[in-house]
Amino acid sequence: MIMIAISNLEQLILLYWFSLSDISNSFTSLPAIQCSYETAVRGMASLQQMHRSGPHIKTRPPRQPLDGKPFAKGVVLKTLIKKPKKPNSANRKCVLVRLSTGKEMVAYIPGIGHNLQEHNIVLCRVGRLQDVPGVKLKAVRGVYDLAHVVKKSQ
């Protein structure tokens, strides 16, 4: 809502028609505008404008566990055993890791058996475990303190 007194508006029109030099002096005597120009003038979009621009779709911020990096080094805080979601049944071996980025996340240890303990260093890559909620990283075997999978001799 723009609040300008009618007398000031008439004064501006008269000044515009008769002398353009006095307009700059009359702006100082005008009252302050109460709201922004956009809310006062813009209003709703017409159907034609909405048709031209298409539907308004909100963009979500990207969810990236390692902030777009492929790998992150981390220290093992605790070894965990997680249970998968409904149709599956197993014990997934996981570790709680404090990453170099400062985040604490759960990482899955692929393969059979592992040698990880508290304070070990692991390299984590992006890759979620589909049937375990909250596990968005996988530990890389054969790097730092996580050994390769031991092949059993027969």
C-alpha atoms as a PDB file:
ATOM      1  CA  MET A   1       0.000   0.000   0.000  1.00  0.00           C
ATOM      2  CA  ILE A   2       1.652   3.227  -1.159  1.00  0.00           C
ATOM      3  CA  MET A   3       0.699   6.195   0.989  1.00  0.00           C
ATOM      4  CA  ILE A   4       1.066   9.500  -0.862  1.00  0.00           C
ATOM      5  CA  ALA A   5      -1.170  12.422  -0.003  1.00  0.00           C
ATOM      6  CA  ILE A   6      -3.335  13.643  -2.887  1.00  0.00           C
ATOM      7  CA  SER A   7      -2.104  17.202  -2.493  1.00  0.00           C
ATOM      8  CA  ASN A   8       1.500  16.056  -2.982  1.00  0.00           C
ATOM      9  CA  LEU A   9       0.496  14.019  -6.037  1.00  0.00           C
ATOM     10  CA  GLU A  10      -1.291  17.009  -7.565  1.00  0.00           C
ATOM     11  CA  GLN A  11       1.723  19.153  -6.767  1.00  0.00           C
ATOM     12  CA  LEU A  12       4.001  16.706  -8.598  1.00  0.00           C
ATOM     13  CA  ILE A  13       1.772  16.682 -11.679  1.00  0.00           C
ATOM     14  CA  LEU A  14       1.664  20.480 -11.808  1.00  0.00           C
ATOM     15  CA  LEU A  15       5.418  20.741 -11.342  1.00  0.00           C
ATOM     16  CA  TYR A  16       5.993  18.225 -14.111  1.00  0.00           C
ATOM     17  CA  TRP A  17       3.917  20.206 -16.588  1.00  0.00           C
ATOM     18  CA  PHE A  18       5.253  23.637 -15.737  1.00  0.00           C
ATOM     19  CA  SER A  19       8.864  23.247 -14.660  1.00  0.00           C
ATOM     20  CA  LEU A  20      10.994  20.119 -14.553  1.00  0.00           C
ATOM     21  CA  SER A  21      13.739  21.748 -12.470  1.00  0.00           C
ATOM     22  CA  ASP A  22      11.633  21.977  -9.286  1.00  0.00           C
ATOM     23  CA  ILE A  23      10.733  18.269  -9.188  1.00  0.00           C
ATOM     24  CA  SER A  24      13.893  17.278  -7.341  1.00  0.00           C
ATOM     25  CA  ASN A  25      13.001  19.652  -4.486  1.00  0.00           C
ATOM     26  CA  SER A  26       9.454  18.277  -4.130  1.00  0.00           C
ATOM     27  CA  PHE A  27      10.614  14.672  -3.600  1.00  0.00           C
ATOM     28  CA  THR A  28      12.162  15.584  -0.269  1.00  0.00           C
ATOM     29  CA  SER A  29       8.792  16.673   1.122  1.00  0.00           C
ATOM     30  CA  LEU A  30       6.986  13.424   0.187  1.00  0.00           C
ATOM     31  CA  PRO A  31       6.114  10.958   2.978  1.00  0.00           C
ATOM     32  CA  ALA A  32       8.025   7.656   3.110  1.00  0.00           C
ATOM     33  CA  ILE A  33       6.632   4.704   1.165  1.00  0.00           C
ATOM     34  CA  GLN A  34       5.284   2.093   3.573  1.00  0.00           C
ATOM     35  CA  CYS A  35       6.102  -1.134   1.668  1.00  0.00           C
ATOM     36  CA  SER A  36       8.325  -2.416  -1.091  1.00  0.00           C
ATOM     37  CA  TYR A  37       7.540  -1.831  -4.754  1.00  0.00           C
ATOM     38  CA  GLU A  38       7.198  -5.543  -5.529  1.00  0.00           C
ATOM     39  CA  THR A  39       4.434  -6.263  -3.028  1.00  0.00           C
ATOM     40  CA  ALA A  40       2.548  -3.077  -3.845  1.00  0.00           C
ATOM     41  CA  VAL A  41       2.556  -3.347  -7.622  1.00  0.00           C
ATOM     42  CA  ARG A  42       3.386  -6.919  -8.681  1.00  0.00           C
ATOM     43  CA  GLY A  43       0.530  -8.976  -7.217  1.00  0.00           C
ATOM     44  CA  MET A  44      -0.452 -12.331  -8.716  1.00  0.00           C
ATOM     45  CA  ALA A  45       0.719 -13.643 -12.074  1.00  0.00           C
ATOM     46  CA  SER A  46      -1.864 -13.860 -14.839  1.00  0.00           C
ATOM     47  CA  LEU A  47      -2.822 -17.194 -16.402  1.00  0.00           C
ATOM     48  CA  GLN A  48      -0.836 -16.329 -19.521  1.00  0.00           C
ATOM     49  CA  GLN A  49       2.273 -15.584 -17.454  1.00  0.00           C
ATOM     50  CA  MET A  50       1.893 -18.832 -15.508  1.00  0.00           C
ATOM     51  CA  HIS A  51       1.432 -20.755 -18.769  1.00  0.00           C
ATOM     52  CA  ARG A  52       4.564 -19.176 -20.239  1.00  0.00           C
ATOM     53  CA  SER A  53       6.794 -19.854 -17.231  1.00  0.00           C
ATOM     54  CA  GLY A  54       5.537 -23.371 -16.483  1.00  0.00           C
ATOM     55  CA  PRO A  55       4.948 -24.888 -13.054  1.00  0.00           C
ATOM     56  CA  HIS A  56       6.975 -23.608 -10.118  1.00  0.00           C
ATOM     57  CA  ILE A  57       9.122 -26.492  -8.869  1.00  0.00           C
ATOM     58  CA  LYS A  58      11.090 -26.125  -5.645  1.00  0.00           C
ATOM     59  CA  THR A  59      14.697 -27.253  -5.856  1.00  0.00           C
ATOM     60  CA  ARG A  60      15.973 -29.276  -2.938  1.00  0.00           C
ATOM     61  CA  PRO A  61      19.504 -28.892  -1.658  1.00  0.00           C
ATOM     62  CA  PRO A  62      21.633 -31.840  -2.794  1.00  0.00           C
ATOM     63  CA  ARG A  63      22.155 -34.639  -0.289  1.00  0.00           C
ATOM     64  CA  GLN A  64      25.764 -35.688  -0.569  1.00  0.00           C
ATOM     65  CA  PRO A  65      27.268 -37.668   2.308  1.00  0.00           C
ATOM     66  CA  LEU A  66      30.866 -36.583   1.584  1.00  0.00           C
ATOM     67  CA  ASP A  67      30.066 -33.113   0.163  1.00  0.00           C
ATOM     68  CA  GLY A  68      30.747 -34.239  -3.412  1.00  0.00           C
ATOM     69  CA  LYS A  69      34.119 -35.861  -2.672  1.00  0.00           C
ATOM     70  CA  PRO A  70      34.658 -39.479  -3.784  1.00  0.00           C
ATOM     71  CA  PHE A  71      36.579 -40.658  -0.684  1.00  0.00           C
ATOM     72  CA  ALA A  72      37.176 -39.584   2.904  1.00  0.00           C
ATOM     73  CA  LYS A  73      39.561 -40.808   5.562  1.00  0.00           C
ATOM     74  CA  GLY A  74      38.154 -41.596   8.976  1.00  0.00           C
ATOM     75  CA  VAL A  75      38.842 -43.012  12.427  1.00  0.00           C
ATOM     76  CA  VAL A  76      36.779 -45.930  13.739  1.00  0.00           C
ATOM     77  CA  LEU A  77      34.847 -45.019  16.876  1.00  0.00           C
ATOM     78  CA  LYS A  78      32.900 -48.255  17.308  1.00  0.00           C
ATOM     79  CA  THR A  79      32.142 -51.487  15.428  1.00  0.00           C
ATOM     80  CA  LEU A  80      28.425 -52.132  14.920  1.00  0.00           C
ATOM     81  CA  ILE A  81      26.147 -54.908  13.735  1.00  0.00           C
ATOM     82  CA  LYS A  82      23.098 -53.575  11.881  1.00  0.00           C
ATOM     83  CA  LYS A  83      19.931 -55.442  10.898  1.00  0.00           C
ATOM     84  CA  PRO A  84      18.452 -54.933   7.401  1.00  0.00           C
ATOM     85  CA  LYS A  85      14.894 -53.882   6.556  1.00  0.00           C
ATOM     86  CA  LYS A  86      11.858 -56.155   6.418  1.00  0.00           C
ATOM     87  CA  PRO A  87      12.156 -58.853   3.741  1.00  0.00           C
ATOM     88  CA  ASN A  88      15.908 -59.368   4.326  1.00  0.00           C
ATOM     89  CA  SER A  89      17.492 -61.063   7.311  1.00  0.00           C
ATOM     90  CA  ALA A  90      21.196 -60.795   8.175  1.00  0.00           C
ATOM     91  CA  ASN A  91      23.785 -59.136  10.390  1.00  0.00           C
ATOM     92  CA  ARG A  92      25.562 -56.399   8.440  1.00  0.00           C
ATOM     93  CA  LYS A  93      29.012 -55.533   9.808  1.00  0.00           C
ATOM     94  CA  CYS A  94      29.388 -51.744  10.068  1.00  0.00           C
ATOM     95  CA  VAL A  95      31.591 -49.190  11.808  1.00  0.00           C
ATOM     96  CA  LEU A  96      30.869 -45.766  13.238  1.00  0.00           C
ATOM     97  CA  VAL A  97      33.484 -43.470  11.697  1.00  0.00           C
ATOM     98  CA  ARG A  98      34.552 -39.894  12.439  1.00  0.00           C
ATOM     99  CA  LEU A  99      35.479 -38.547   9.018  1.00  0.00           C
ATOM    100  CA  SER A 100      38.143 -35.987   8.190  1.00  0.00           C
ATOM    101  CA  THR A 101      35.299 -33.585   7.342  1.00  0.00           C
ATOM    102  CA  GLY A 102      34.199 -33.729  11.005  1.00  0.00           C
ATOM    103  CA  LYS A 103      31.014 -35.748  10.445  1.00  0.00           C
ATOM    104  CA  GLU A 104      30.265 -38.995  12.269  1.00  0.00           C
ATOM    105  CA  MET A 105      28.706 -41.562   9.935  1.00  0.00           C
ATOM    106  CA  VAL A 106      28.114 -45.296   9.694  1.00  0.00           C
ATOM    107  CA  ALA A 107      30.111 -47.187   7.047  1.00  0.00           C
ATOM    108  CA  TYR A 108      29.531 -50.753   5.834  1.00  0.00           C
ATOM    109  CA  ILE A 109      32.428 -53.229   5.721  1.00  0.00           C
ATOM    110  CA  PRO A 110      32.080 -55.371   2.570  1.00  0.00           C
ATOM    111  CA  GLY A 111      33.303 -58.965   2.380  1.00  0.00           C
ATOM    112  CA  ILE A 112      33.470 -61.776   4.919  1.00  0.00           C
ATOM    113  CA  GLY A 113      35.308 -60.978   8.164  1.00  0.00           C
ATOM    114  CA  HIS A 114      37.284 -57.891   9.129  1.00  0.00           C
ATOM    115  CA  ASN A 115      40.077 -56.810  11.475  1.00  0.00           C
ATOM    116  CA  LEU A 116      38.804 -53.370  12.496  1.00  0.00           C
ATOM    117  CA  GLN A 117      38.934 -52.121  16.074  1.00  0.00           C
ATOM    118  CA  GLU A 118      38.486 -48.767  17.751  1.00  0.00           C
ATOM    119  CA  HIS A 119      40.995 -46.064  16.637  1.00  0.00           C
ATOM    120  CA  ASN A 120      41.808 -47.835  13.348  1.00  0.00           C
ATOM    121  CA  ILE A 121      41.962 -45.674  10.221  1.00  0.00           C
ATOM    122  CA  VAL A 122      39.768 -46.498   7.210  1.00  0.00           C
ATOM    123  CA  LEU A 123      39.072 -44.996   3.813  1.00  0.00           C
ATOM    124  CA  CYS A 124      35.351 -44.564   3.103  1.00  0.00           C
ATOM    125  CA  ARG A 125      33.715 -44.211  -0.282  1.00  0.00           C
ATOM    126  CA  VAL A 126      30.209 -43.114  -1.209  1.00  0.00           C
ATOM    127  CA  GLY A 127      27.804 -46.001  -1.685  1.00  0.00           C
ATOM    128  CA  ARG A 128      24.764 -46.730   0.393  1.00  0.00           C
ATOM    129  CA  LEU A 129      23.583 -50.065   1.679  1.00  0.00           C
ATOM    130  CA  GLN A 130      20.100 -50.433   0.203  1.00  0.00           C
ATOM    131  CA  ASP A 131      18.560 -52.616   2.902  1.00  0.00           C
ATOM    132  CA  VAL A 132      20.048 -50.913   5.986  1.00  0.00           C
ATOM    133  CA  PRO A 133      18.713 -47.434   6.817  1.00  0.00           C
ATOM    134  CA  GLY A 134      21.263 -44.741   7.615  1.00  0.00           C
ATOM    135  CA  VAL A 135      24.287 -46.463   6.036  1.00  0.00           C
ATOM    136  CA  LYS A 136      25.494 -44.256   3.172  1.00  0.00           C
ATOM    137  CA  LEU A 137      29.212 -45.141   3.065  1.00  0.00           C
ATOM    138  CA  LYS A 138      31.299 -48.232   2.382  1.00  0.00           C
ATOM    139  CA  ALA A 139      34.778 -48.902   3.732  1.00  0.00           C
ATOM    140  CA  VAL A 140      37.477 -49.634   1.133  1.00  0.00           C
ATOM    141  CA  ARG A 141      39.278 -52.962   1.686  1.00  0.00           C
ATOM    142  CA  GLY A 142      43.071 -53.036   1.483  1.00  0.00           C
ATOM    143  CA  VAL A 143      43.636 -49.361   2.338  1.00  0.00           C
ATOM    144  CA  TYR A 144      45.015 -48.129   5.695  1.00  0.00           C
ATOM    145  CA  ASP A 145      44.090 -50.501   8.560  1.00  0.00           C
ATOM    146  CA  LEU A 146      41.299 -52.473   6.845  1.00  0.00           C
ATOM    147  CA  ALA A 147      42.874 -55.632   5.396  1.00  0.00           C
ATOM    148  CA  HIS A 148      41.867 -57.453   2.215  1.00  0.00           C
ATOM    149  CA  VAL A 149      39.392 -60.326   2.411  1.00  0.00           C
ATOM    150  CA  VAL A 150      41.267 -63.442   3.555  1.00  0.00           C
ATOM    151  CA  LYS A 151      40.956 -66.269   1.023  1.00  0.00           C
ATOM    152  CA  LYS A 152      40.296 -69.559   2.798  1.00  0.00           C
ATOM    153  CA  SER A 153      42.438 -72.472   1.604  1.00  0.00           C
ATOM    154  CA  GLN A 154      40.740 -75.846   1.215  1.00  0.00           C
END
